[in-house]
């Protein structure tokens, strides 16, 4: 899924022959519970960012790469790179 997130501007997810989800990677991968119900996953780094947010860290969850996650965590924590 990481490769998909980096390479496309729009995702269409089909379920039983119909369009279940349609949108940008951020919109589609933001629906973690729905994707999980369908037996699909999200990029691991996106899953990590959602978990950090659930634990109270004010991070952006529309992140699909390790590099962007690093930048976001540094920003939120107020660290210097």
Protein backbone atom coordinates (compact mmCIF):
# COMPACT_ATOMS: atom_id res chain seq x y z
CA UNK A 1 0.00 0.00 0.00
CA UNK A 2 2.94 2.34 0.59
CA UNK A 3 3.79 2.27 -3.11
CA UNK A 4 0.19 2.91 -4.09
CA UNK A 5 -0.03 5.92 -1.77
CA UNK A 6 3.08 7.48 -3.29
CA UNK A 7 2.22 6.88 -6.93
CA UNK A 8 -1.42 7.87 -7.34
CA UNK A 9 -3.60 10.94 -6.98
CA UNK A 10 -6.86 8.99 -6.73
CA UNK A 11 -7.85 5.56 -5.42
CA UNK A 12 -10.93 3.52 -6.18
CA UNK A 13 -11.58 0.52 -3.95
CA UNK A 14 -14.05 -2.05 -5.21
CA UNK A 15 -16.02 -4.46 -3.06
CA UNK A 16 -18.23 -7.16 -4.57
CA UNK A 17 -18.26 -5.45 -7.95
CA UNK A 18 -19.19 -1.98 -6.75
CA UNK A 19 -17.18 1.09 -5.82
CA UNK A 20 -16.84 1.12 -2.04
CA UNK A 21 -14.37 3.99 -1.68
CA UNK A 22 -13.25 6.69 -4.09
CA UNK A 23 -10.95 9.59 -3.32
CA UNK A 24 -7.45 10.82 -2.74
CA UNK A 25 -5.02 8.57 -0.87
CA UNK A 26 -5.62 10.73 2.23
CA UNK A 27 -9.40 10.32 1.95
CA UNK A 28 -9.30 6.58 1.31
CA UNK A 29 -6.53 5.67 3.76
CA UNK A 30 -8.20 7.88 6.36
CA UNK A 31 -10.96 5.27 6.54
CA UNK A 32 -8.86 2.73 8.41
CA UNK A 33 -11.81 0.91 10.02
CA UNK A 34 -13.67 0.55 6.70
CA UNK A 35 -10.58 -0.76 4.92
CA UNK A 36 -9.94 -3.22 7.74
CA UNK A 37 -13.55 -4.47 7.50
CA UNK A 38 -12.92 -5.09 3.80
CA UNK A 39 -9.77 -7.09 4.56
CA UNK A 40 -7.46 -4.37 3.28
CA UNK A 41 -4.78 -2.42 5.03
CA UNK A 42 -3.31 1.03 4.98
CA UNK A 43 0.37 1.94 4.66
CA UNK A 44 2.11 0.98 7.91
CA UNK A 45 3.30 4.53 8.45
CA UNK A 46 -0.28 5.80 8.11
CA UNK A 47 -1.39 3.24 10.67
CA UNK A 48 1.37 4.44 13.01
CA UNK A 49 0.28 8.08 12.62
CA UNK A 50 -3.34 7.14 13.41
CA UNK A 51 -2.14 5.29 16.52
CA UNK A 52 -0.08 8.30 17.66
CA UNK A 53 -3.12 10.54 17.18
CA UNK A 54 -5.31 8.11 19.15
CA UNK A 55 -2.79 8.33 21.98
CA UNK A 56 -3.08 12.10 22.11
CA UNK A 57 -0.28 13.33 19.85
CA UNK A 58 -1.60 16.06 17.52
CA UNK A 59 -0.12 14.61 14.32
CA UNK A 60 -1.37 14.83 10.76
CA UNK A 61 -2.62 11.38 9.73
CA UNK A 62 -2.45 12.08 5.96
CA UNK A 63 1.11 10.75 5.81
CA UNK A 64 2.30 7.85 3.69
CA UNK A 65 6.12 7.90 3.84
CA UNK A 66 8.69 7.48 6.59
CA UNK A 67 10.31 10.78 5.62
CA UNK A 68 7.06 12.74 5.99
CA UNK A 69 6.30 10.96 9.27
CA UNK A 70 9.72 11.92 10.60
CA UNK A 71 9.14 15.56 9.65
CA UNK A 72 5.69 15.54 11.27
CA UNK A 73 6.85 13.96 14.53
CA UNK A 74 9.76 16.41 14.76
CA UNK A 75 7.35 19.29 14.11
CA UNK A 76 4.82 18.17 16.71
CA UNK A 77 7.43 17.43 19.35
CA UNK A 78 9.21 20.73 18.73
CA UNK A 79 12.53 19.02 18.14
CA UNK A 80 15.29 20.33 15.91
CA UNK A 81 16.48 18.13 13.08
